[in-house]
Amino acid sequence: MSGTRSPSRKAPATEDGRWPVWELALLLYPFAMAAVAINLFMASLIGIMLGWQALDPFTSILWAVPLGVPAALLAGRWVRSLIDEAEPPVKE
């Protein structure tokens, strides 16, 4: 049975119906920022062995706000590639 597919109201507003990387990055930013904050804090604790001063959690969060942007963009690119791999190619 062949038919036309109606456009979804939940689909992003792109020509081919794909989620752009920047939208995925925007959705993933809170998670990427939290991961960066945790990693900075843990790295500072490991740095104590080298004689460095440990970061307090608040400082780690402050540093994670700008550093979370590239992490979110990388995560968005990764998720976009996973979606592209999972979806069948669009036939025109």
N, C-alpha and C. Protein backbone atom coordinates (compact mmCIF):
# COMPACT_ATOMS: atom_id res chain seq x y z
N MET A 1 0.84 -1.17 0.00
CA MET A 1 0.00 0.00 0.00
C MET A 1 0.89 1.24 0.00
N SER A 2 0.60 2.09 -0.89
CA SER A 2 1.41 3.28 -1.04
C SER A 2 0.57 4.50 -0.69
N GLY A 3 1.17 5.45 -0.04
CA GLY A 3 0.44 6.66 0.34
C GLY A 3 1.42 7.77 0.65
N THR A 4 0.86 8.91 0.93
CA THR A 4 1.71 10.03 1.30
C THR A 4 1.74 10.16 2.81
N ARG A 5 2.82 10.59 3.27
CA ARG A 5 3.01 10.76 4.70
C ARG A 5 2.74 12.20 5.06
N SER A 6 1.88 12.41 6.03
CA SER A 6 1.60 13.78 6.44
C SER A 6 2.73 14.28 7.32
N PRO A 7 3.03 15.56 7.26
CA PRO A 7 4.12 16.09 8.09
C PRO A 7 3.73 16.07 9.56
N SER A 8 4.69 15.73 10.37
CA SER A 8 4.46 15.67 11.80
C SER A 8 4.59 17.06 12.41
N ARG A 9 3.78 17.33 13.40
CA ARG A 9 3.88 18.63 14.08
C ARG A 9 5.08 18.67 15.01
N LYS A 10 5.61 17.51 15.37
CA LYS A 10 6.75 17.45 16.28
C LYS A 10 8.08 17.46 15.53
N ALA A 11 8.05 17.30 14.26
CA ALA A 11 9.29 17.26 13.48
C ALA A 11 9.91 18.65 13.42
N PRO A 12 11.24 18.71 13.43
CA PRO A 12 11.89 20.01 13.34
C PRO A 12 11.65 20.65 11.98
N ALA A 13 11.77 21.95 11.95
CA ALA A 13 11.48 22.70 10.73
C ALA A 13 12.71 22.77 9.84
N THR A 14 13.08 21.63 9.28
CA THR A 14 14.17 21.60 8.31
C THR A 14 13.62 21.02 7.02
N GLU A 15 14.36 21.21 5.96
CA GLU A 15 13.89 20.75 4.65
C GLU A 15 13.74 19.24 4.59
N ASP A 16 14.70 18.52 5.15
CA ASP A 16 14.67 17.07 5.04
C ASP A 16 14.13 16.39 6.31
N GLY A 17 13.66 17.15 7.28
CA GLY A 17 13.08 16.58 8.49
C GLY A 17 14.10 16.09 9.50
N ARG A 18 15.37 16.40 9.29
CA ARG A 18 16.42 15.96 10.22
C ARG A 18 16.63 17.00 11.31
N TRP A 19 17.02 16.51 12.48
CA TRP A 19 17.39 17.42 13.57
C TRP A 19 18.75 18.01 13.26
N PRO A 20 18.90 19.33 13.26
CA PRO A 20 20.23 19.92 13.07
C PRO A 20 21.09 19.72 14.31
N VAL A 21 22.39 19.74 14.09
CA VAL A 21 23.34 19.50 15.18
C VAL A 21 23.18 20.54 16.28
N TRP A 22 22.94 21.80 15.90
CA TRP A 22 22.85 22.85 16.93
C TRP A 22 21.65 22.63 17.84
N GLU A 23 20.53 22.10 17.31
CA GLU A 23 19.38 21.83 18.17
C GLU A 23 19.65 20.67 19.10
N LEU A 24 20.32 19.64 18.58
CA LEU A 24 20.70 18.52 19.44
C LEU A 24 21.66 19.00 20.54
N ALA A 25 22.60 19.86 20.16
CA ALA A 25 23.55 20.39 21.14
C ALA A 25 22.84 21.22 22.20
N LEU A 26 21.84 21.97 21.79
CA LEU A 26 21.07 22.77 22.75
C LEU A 26 20.33 21.88 23.74
N LEU A 27 19.78 20.78 23.24
CA LEU A 27 19.09 19.85 24.13
C LEU A 27 20.05 19.12 25.06
N LEU A 28 21.26 18.85 24.59
CA LEU A 28 22.23 18.07 25.36
C LEU A 28 23.11 18.95 26.26
N TYR A 29 23.03 20.27 26.12
CA TYR A 29 23.91 21.16 26.88
C TYR A 29 23.86 20.95 28.39
N PRO A 30 22.69 20.85 29.03
CA PRO A 30 22.70 20.66 30.49
C PRO A 30 23.44 19.40 30.93
N PHE A 31 23.31 18.34 30.15
CA PHE A 31 23.98 17.10 30.49
C PHE A 31 25.48 17.19 30.24
N ALA A 32 25.86 17.83 29.14
CA ALA A 32 27.28 18.00 28.83
C ALA A 32 27.95 18.91 29.86
N MET A 33 27.26 19.99 30.25
CA MET A 33 27.82 20.90 31.25
C MET A 33 28.01 20.19 32.58
N ALA A 34 27.03 19.38 32.99
CA ALA A 34 27.14 18.64 34.24
C ALA A 34 28.29 17.64 34.18
N ALA A 35 28.46 16.98 33.05
CA ALA A 35 29.56 16.03 32.90
C ALA A 35 30.91 16.74 32.98
N VAL A 36 31.01 17.91 32.36
CA VAL A 36 32.26 18.68 32.41
C VAL A 36 32.54 19.12 33.84
N ALA A 37 31.52 19.58 34.57
CA ALA A 37 31.71 20.01 35.95
C ALA A 37 32.20 18.87 36.83
N ILE A 38 31.60 17.70 36.67
CA ILE A 38 32.02 16.54 37.47
C ILE A 38 33.45 16.16 37.13
N ASN A 39 33.78 16.15 35.84
CA ASN A 39 35.13 15.78 35.44
C ASN A 39 36.17 16.79 35.91
N LEU A 40 35.84 18.08 35.87
CA LEU A 40 36.77 19.09 36.38
C LEU A 40 37.01 18.91 37.87
N PHE A 41 35.94 18.67 38.61
CA PHE A 41 36.07 18.49 40.06
C PHE A 41 36.91 17.25 40.37
N MET A 42 36.63 16.15 39.69
CA MET A 42 37.39 14.92 39.94
C MET A 42 38.86 15.08 39.52
N ALA A 43 39.10 15.77 38.40
CA ALA A 43 40.47 16.01 37.97
C ALA A 43 41.22 16.87 38.98
N SER A 44 40.52 17.82 39.58
CA SER A 44 41.19 18.65 40.59
C SER A 44 41.52 17.84 41.84
N LEU A 45 40.68 16.87 42.15
CA LEU A 45 41.00 16.00 43.28
C LEU A 45 42.22 15.14 42.99
N ILE A 46 42.34 14.68 41.76
CA ILE A 46 43.52 13.90 41.37
C ILE A 46 44.74 14.81 41.36
N GLY A 47 44.54 16.09 41.00
CA GLY A 47 45.64 17.05 40.97
C GLY A 47 46.25 17.32 42.34
N ILE A 48 45.55 16.98 43.41
CA ILE A 48 46.10 17.15 44.76
C ILE A 48 47.38 16.35 44.91
N MET A 49 47.44 15.18 44.26
CA MET A 49 48.65 14.35 44.33
C MET A 49 49.85 15.06 43.70
N LEU A 50 49.59 15.97 42.77
CA LEU A 50 50.66 16.71 42.12
C LEU A 50 50.97 18.02 42.84
N GLY A 51 50.27 18.27 43.93
CA GLY A 51 50.51 19.48 44.69
C GLY A 51 49.64 20.64 44.28
N TRP A 52 48.67 20.40 43.41
CA TRP A 52 47.78 21.46 42.99
C TRP A 52 46.67 21.65 44.01
N GLN A 53 46.01 22.77 43.92
CA GLN A 53 44.91 23.05 44.82
C GLN A 53 43.61 22.50 44.23
N ALA A 54 42.77 21.93 45.06
CA ALA A 54 41.51 21.37 44.59
C ALA A 54 40.50 22.48 44.31
N LEU A 55 39.67 22.26 43.29
CA LEU A 55 38.58 23.19 43.00
C LEU A 55 37.39 22.85 43.88
N ASP A 56 36.71 23.87 44.34
CA ASP A 56 35.47 23.57 45.06
C ASP A 56 34.38 23.33 44.02
N PRO A 57 33.29 22.67 44.39
CA PRO A 57 32.25 22.34 43.40
C PRO A 57 31.67 23.56 42.69
N PHE A 58 31.50 24.67 43.39
CA PHE A 58 30.95 25.86 42.75
C PHE A 58 31.87 26.38 41.65
N THR A 59 33.17 26.40 41.89
CA THR A 59 34.12 26.85 40.88
C THR A 59 34.12 25.90 39.68
N SER A 60 33.98 24.61 39.95
CA SER A 60 33.90 23.64 38.85
C SER A 60 32.68 23.91 37.97
N ILE A 61 31.57 24.25 38.60
CA ILE A 61 30.35 24.55 37.83
C ILE A 61 30.54 25.83 37.01
N LEU A 62 31.18 26.85 37.61
CA LEU A 62 31.42 28.09 36.87
C LEU A 62 32.29 27.85 35.64
N TRP A 63 33.33 27.03 35.78
CA TRP A 63 34.19 26.71 34.65
C TRP A 63 33.45 25.85 33.63
N ALA A 64 32.50 25.04 34.09
CA ALA A 64 31.79 24.13 33.18
C ALA A 64 30.79 24.86 32.29
N VAL A 65 30.33 26.03 32.70
CA VAL A 65 29.34 26.76 31.89
C VAL A 65 29.90 27.06 30.50
N PRO A 66 31.07 27.69 30.36
CA PRO A 66 31.58 27.91 28.99
C PRO A 66 32.17 26.66 28.36
N LEU A 67 32.78 25.78 29.18
CA LEU A 67 33.39 24.59 28.61
C LEU A 67 32.36 23.54 28.20
N GLY A 68 31.13 23.70 28.64
CA GLY A 68 30.07 22.78 28.24
C GLY A 68 29.60 22.99 26.81
N VAL A 69 29.86 24.17 26.25
CA VAL A 69 29.42 24.47 24.87
C VAL A 69 30.12 23.56 23.86
N PRO A 70 31.47 23.49 23.85
CA PRO A 70 32.08 22.57 22.88
C PRO A 70 31.75 21.11 23.17
N ALA A 71 31.59 20.76 24.44
CA ALA A 71 31.22 19.39 24.78
C ALA A 71 29.83 19.06 24.25
N ALA A 72 28.90 20.02 24.34
CA ALA A 72 27.55 19.80 23.82
C ALA A 72 27.55 19.72 22.30
N LEU A 73 28.37 20.53 21.64
CA LEU A 73 28.46 20.46 20.18
C LEU A 73 29.01 19.12 19.72
N LEU A 74 30.02 18.63 20.41
CA LEU A 74 30.56 17.31 20.08
C LEU A 74 29.54 16.21 20.33
N ALA A 75 28.81 16.33 21.43
CA ALA A 75 27.76 15.35 21.72
C ALA A 75 26.65 15.42 20.68
N GLY A 76 26.30 16.62 20.24
CA GLY A 76 25.29 16.78 19.21
C GLY A 76 25.71 16.16 17.88
N ARG A 77 26.98 16.34 17.51
CA ARG A 77 27.49 15.71 16.29
C ARG A 77 27.46 14.20 16.40
N TRP A 78 27.82 13.68 17.58
CA TRP A 78 27.83 12.24 17.80
C TRP A 78 26.41 11.67 17.71
N VAL A 79 25.45 12.33 18.36
CA VAL A 79 24.06 11.86 18.32
C VAL A 79 23.51 11.96 16.90
N ARG A 80 23.85 13.04 16.18
CA ARG A 80 23.40 13.18 14.79
C ARG A 80 23.90 12.02 13.94
N SER A 81 25.17 11.62 14.15
CA SER A 81 25.71 10.50 13.38
C SER A 81 25.02 9.19 13.75
N LEU A 82 24.68 9.03 15.02
CA LEU A 82 23.95 7.82 15.43
C LEU A 82 22.56 7.78 14.81
N ILE A 83 21.88 8.93 14.77
CA ILE A 83 20.56 8.99 14.15
C ILE A 83 20.66 8.70 12.66
N ASP A 84 21.66 9.28 11.99
CA ASP A 84 21.84 9.03 10.56
C ASP A 84 22.10 7.55 10.28
N GLU A 85 22.84 6.92 11.16
CA GLU A 85 23.14 5.51 10.99
C GLU A 85 21.90 4.63 11.22
N ALA A 86 21.06 5.04 12.16
CA ALA A 86 19.89 4.23 12.51
C ALA A 86 18.72 4.41 11.53
N GLU A 87 18.58 5.59 10.95
CA GLU A 87 17.46 5.86 10.05
C GLU A 87 17.75 5.33 8.65
N PRO A 88 16.74 4.80 8.00
CA PRO A 88 16.96 4.38 6.61
C PRO A 88 17.12 5.60 5.71
N PRO A 89 17.84 5.45 4.61
CA PRO A 89 18.00 6.60 3.71
C PRO A 89 16.66 7.02 3.12
N VAL A 90 16.50 8.31 2.91
CA VAL A 90 15.26 8.86 2.36
C VAL A 90 15.27 8.69 0.86
N LYS A 91 14.21 8.07 0.32
CA LYS A 91 14.10 7.90 -1.14
C LYS A 91 13.27 9.03 -1.71
N GLU A 92 13.75 9.60 -2.77
CA GLU A 92 13.02 10.71 -3.39
C GLU A 92 12.40 10.28 -4.68
